[in-house]
Amino acid sequence: MTTESEEKNIKKGRVIVVSGPSGVGKGTLLRRLFAETEFPLSLSVSATTRGPRPGEKNGVDYWFLTREDFLARRERGEFLESFEVYAGGNLYGTLHKTVEDAVNAGRWVVLEIDVKGAKSVVEKIPEATTVFIAPPSIEELRRRLEGRGSESREEIDKRMAQAQTEIDSSDFYQYRVVNDELDKALKELIDVLKKESRAN
C-alpha cells in the first residue's frame, strides 16, 4: 500500500540501473518485479547493429541501426553507454533520448547493463538509482552457471573471471541485493523502489 506522497512521487520519471554478473538471476528477478509491482516500470530498449531475428520489432525489442548510423550517433554523444560484442562484432548501446522521453512521460526506466555501462550512465545521469544484484557466493554462482548445461568449462571460467571483476567493482552502487532466495531478493528490490519513491 502506497501513501499519497509516495503515489505523487511515483509519477516522477526515474532511471533505475540494474547490474550483476551473468547467472545471478537478473532476468528472472526483473520479470517478477515488472509483474508484481505498481511502479510505472519500463525496460529500456537498446540500440544494436545486429539484424532483427524472426519476430523482433524495431523500437520494441531493439532499435535496429546500421553500423554507420550507430557510429555517427555515438560520435555525436547520443548514447548513455555503448559497447561492442567481439564475438560477432555487433554494437549495442542505450540512446539518451529514448531514456529521456520515457522519463519525461513519467516512466521508471530500468537499464539492465554491466558495471562499465552503469558508470557511464551515472556520469551523465547522476540522479540515477543504481542496484547491484549479487550472488550469495562466488561458488554458488559457478554452480548456477554449470547447472545451465549450455556452456563449456572454458566459457564458464571466462564468465567467472568477469563476474569477480564486476563484484570487485560494484562498490559505487547505491544498493546491493543478494539473490540467494528469489522471493527475499524481490522484496528487497521492491523496498529499494519504495525508498526511492519517498526521496525528493
Protein backbone atom coordinates (compact mmCIF):
# COMPACT_ATOMS: atom_id res chain seq x y z
CA MET A 1 0.00 0.00 0.00
CA THR A 2 1.48 3.35 -1.00
CA THR A 3 0.91 6.65 0.77
CA GLU A 4 -0.42 9.74 -1.02
CA SER A 5 3.06 11.30 -1.05
CA GLU A 6 4.55 8.10 -2.47
CA GLU A 7 1.90 7.98 -5.20
CA LYS A 8 2.68 11.57 -6.14
CA ASN A 9 6.39 10.80 -6.31
CA ILE A 10 5.88 7.58 -8.26
CA LYS A 11 4.60 9.74 -11.13
CA LYS A 12 8.03 11.32 -11.47
CA GLY A 13 10.14 9.60 -14.10
CA ARG A 14 13.32 7.91 -12.94
CA VAL A 15 16.27 5.92 -14.21
CA ILE A 16 16.96 2.62 -12.45
CA VAL A 17 20.28 0.94 -13.32
CA VAL A 18 20.47 -2.77 -12.53
CA SER A 19 23.68 -4.77 -12.90
CA GLY A 20 25.02 -8.12 -11.82
CA PRO A 21 27.15 -10.97 -13.13
CA SER A 22 25.90 -13.48 -15.69
CA GLY A 23 23.99 -16.27 -13.97
CA VAL A 24 22.98 -14.24 -10.92
CA GLY A 25 19.31 -14.25 -11.96
CA LYS A 26 18.77 -10.61 -13.00
CA GLY A 27 16.33 -11.53 -15.76
CA THR A 28 14.12 -13.70 -13.54
CA LEU A 29 14.18 -11.11 -10.77
CA LEU A 30 13.23 -8.25 -13.11
CA ARG A 31 10.43 -10.24 -14.72
CA ARG A 32 8.94 -10.82 -11.26
CA LEU A 33 9.45 -7.15 -10.39
CA PHE A 34 7.63 -5.96 -13.50
CA ALA A 35 4.77 -8.39 -12.92
CA GLU A 36 4.26 -7.81 -9.21
CA THR A 37 4.71 -4.09 -8.54
CA GLU A 38 2.62 -0.98 -9.15
CA PHE A 39 5.56 1.19 -10.17
CA PRO A 40 5.41 2.52 -13.76
CA LEU A 41 8.39 0.45 -14.88
CA SER A 42 9.57 0.07 -18.44
CA LEU A 43 12.64 -1.73 -19.70
CA SER A 44 15.00 0.42 -21.73
CA VAL A 45 15.10 -0.53 -25.41
CA SER A 46 18.71 -0.80 -26.55
CA ALA A 47 20.06 0.05 -29.98
CA THR A 48 22.06 -2.52 -31.92
CA THR A 49 23.76 -3.04 -35.26
CA ARG A 50 22.81 -6.70 -35.47
CA GLY A 51 19.94 -7.66 -37.72
CA PRO A 52 16.49 -8.41 -36.30
CA ARG A 53 15.68 -12.03 -35.51
CA PRO A 54 12.34 -13.55 -36.56
CA GLY A 55 9.52 -11.86 -34.68
CA GLU A 56 11.60 -8.95 -33.36
CA LYS A 57 10.22 -5.46 -33.91
CA ASN A 58 12.08 -2.18 -34.26
CA GLY A 59 11.51 0.02 -31.25
CA VAL A 60 10.10 -2.86 -29.21
CA ASP A 61 12.89 -5.43 -28.92
CA TYR A 62 15.72 -3.16 -30.11
CA TRP A 63 16.33 -0.08 -32.17
CA PHE A 64 17.98 -1.63 -35.21
CA LEU A 65 20.61 0.69 -36.68
CA THR A 66 23.21 0.37 -39.40
CA ARG A 67 26.78 0.39 -38.18
CA GLU A 68 27.35 3.75 -39.88
CA ASP A 69 24.32 5.30 -38.17
CA PHE A 70 25.31 3.84 -34.79
CA LEU A 71 28.86 5.18 -35.03
CA ALA A 72 27.63 8.60 -36.17
CA ARG A 73 25.22 8.78 -33.23
CA ARG A 74 27.97 7.74 -30.83
CA GLU A 75 30.24 10.41 -32.25
CA ARG A 76 27.51 12.98 -31.57
CA GLY A 77 27.26 11.80 -27.97
CA GLU A 78 23.76 10.36 -28.29
CA PHE A 79 24.50 7.23 -26.25
CA LEU A 80 24.46 6.95 -22.48
CA GLU A 81 26.64 3.87 -22.87
CA SER A 82 27.71 1.58 -25.69
CA PHE A 83 29.85 -1.49 -26.23
CA GLU A 84 30.88 -3.99 -28.90
CA VAL A 85 30.32 -7.72 -28.67
CA TYR A 86 33.59 -9.05 -30.01
CA ALA A 87 32.24 -12.48 -30.92
CA GLY A 88 30.00 -11.04 -33.62
CA GLY A 89 31.35 -7.53 -33.94
CA ASN A 90 27.93 -6.04 -33.26
CA LEU A 91 27.47 -2.77 -31.40
CA TYR A 92 24.95 -2.22 -28.60
CA GLY A 93 24.05 0.89 -26.67
CA THR A 94 21.47 2.92 -24.76
CA LEU A 95 20.22 6.04 -26.54
CA HIS A 96 19.93 9.04 -24.24
CA LYS A 97 16.80 10.36 -25.99
CA THR A 98 14.95 7.04 -25.62
CA VAL A 99 15.51 7.11 -21.87
CA GLU A 100 14.83 10.84 -21.60
CA ASP A 101 11.49 10.55 -23.44
CA ALA A 102 10.35 7.73 -21.16
CA VAL A 103 11.40 9.61 -18.02
CA ASN A 104 9.59 12.74 -19.20
CA ALA A 105 6.47 10.59 -19.67
CA GLY A 106 6.70 9.56 -16.01
CA ARG A 107 8.17 6.10 -16.58
CA TRP A 108 10.70 4.43 -14.31
CA VAL A 109 13.16 3.25 -16.93
CA VAL A 110 15.12 0.14 -15.99
CA LEU A 111 18.54 -0.27 -17.63
CA GLU A 112 19.92 -3.80 -17.28
CA ILE A 113 23.58 -3.14 -18.10
CA ASP A 114 27.07 -4.11 -16.98
CA VAL A 115 29.24 -2.26 -14.46
CA LYS A 116 31.15 -0.31 -17.10
CA GLY A 117 27.93 0.82 -18.74
CA ALA A 118 26.44 1.72 -15.37
CA LYS A 119 29.36 4.02 -14.57
CA SER A 120 28.92 5.72 -17.94
CA VAL A 121 25.19 6.26 -17.29
CA VAL A 122 25.80 7.68 -13.80
CA GLU A 123 28.33 10.15 -15.23
CA LYS A 124 25.57 11.51 -17.47
CA ILE A 125 22.61 10.99 -15.12
CA PRO A 126 23.99 11.31 -11.57
CA GLU A 127 20.49 11.12 -10.07
CA ALA A 128 20.02 7.58 -11.43
CA THR A 129 19.31 4.86 -8.87
CA THR A 130 21.86 2.05 -9.02
CA VAL A 131 21.31 -1.52 -7.82
CA PHE A 132 23.81 -4.37 -7.96
CA ILE A 133 22.41 -7.92 -7.90
CA ALA A 134 25.00 -10.13 -6.21
CA PRO A 135 25.22 -13.91 -5.83
CA PRO A 136 25.27 -15.35 -2.29
CA SER A 137 28.82 -16.51 -3.04
CA ILE A 138 31.15 -16.89 -6.00
CA GLU A 139 30.95 -20.67 -5.55
CA GLU A 140 27.15 -20.61 -5.81
CA LEU A 141 27.39 -18.53 -8.96
CA ARG A 142 29.63 -21.15 -10.57
CA ARG A 143 27.18 -23.87 -9.53
CA ARG A 144 24.32 -21.98 -11.22
CA LEU A 145 26.30 -21.47 -14.42
CA GLU A 146 27.30 -25.14 -14.53
CA GLY A 147 23.68 -26.08 -13.87
CA ARG A 148 22.61 -24.44 -17.10
CA GLY A 149 24.47 -27.07 -19.06
CA SER A 150 24.72 -24.74 -22.04
CA GLU A 151 28.33 -23.58 -21.78
CA SER A 152 31.73 -25.22 -21.89
CA ARG A 153 34.07 -25.21 -18.91
CA GLU A 154 36.22 -22.62 -20.70
CA GLU A 155 33.22 -20.32 -21.22
CA ILE A 156 32.21 -20.70 -17.58
CA ASP A 157 35.74 -19.88 -16.45
CA LYS A 158 35.62 -16.69 -18.53
CA ARG A 159 32.25 -15.73 -17.06
CA MET A 160 33.52 -16.39 -13.55
CA ALA A 161 36.56 -14.17 -14.10
CA GLN A 162 34.29 -11.43 -15.43
CA ALA A 163 31.90 -11.93 -12.51
CA GLN A 164 34.68 -11.48 -9.98
CA THR A 165 35.78 -8.28 -11.72
CA GLU A 166 32.22 -6.94 -11.66
CA ILE A 167 31.75 -7.81 -7.97
CA ASP A 168 35.07 -6.17 -7.10
CA SER A 169 33.99 -3.02 -8.98
CA SER A 170 30.48 -2.77 -7.53
CA ASP A 171 31.17 -0.51 -4.54
CA PHE A 172 29.79 2.59 -6.28
CA TYR A 173 26.24 1.16 -6.48
CA GLN A 174 23.78 2.70 -4.03
CA TYR A 175 22.07 -0.60 -3.27
CA ARG A 176 23.17 -4.22 -3.16
CA VAL A 177 20.64 -7.06 -3.33
CA VAL A 178 21.88 -10.61 -2.76
CA ASN A 179 19.89 -13.07 -4.86
CA ASP A 180 20.07 -16.03 -2.53
CA GLU A 181 16.33 -16.74 -2.37
CA LEU A 182 14.21 -15.22 -5.14
CA ASP A 183 11.23 -14.07 -3.05
CA LYS A 184 13.52 -12.44 -0.49
CA ALA A 185 15.59 -10.71 -3.19
CA LEU A 186 12.40 -9.49 -4.88
CA LYS A 187 11.13 -7.99 -1.60
CA GLU A 188 14.47 -6.20 -1.10
CA LEU A 189 14.33 -4.82 -4.63
CA ILE A 190 10.75 -3.60 -4.14
CA ASP A 191 11.83 -1.99 -0.86
CA VAL A 192 14.55 -0.14 -2.78
CA LEU A 193 11.95 1.28 -5.17
CA LYS A 194 9.66 2.25 -2.29
CA LYS A 195 12.55 4.06 -0.62
CA GLU A 196 13.32 5.87 -3.87
CA SER A 197 9.66 6.81 -4.28
CA ARG A 198 9.83 8.64 -0.95
CA ALA A 199 13.01 10.53 -1.88
CA ASN A 200 12.64 14.14 -3.08
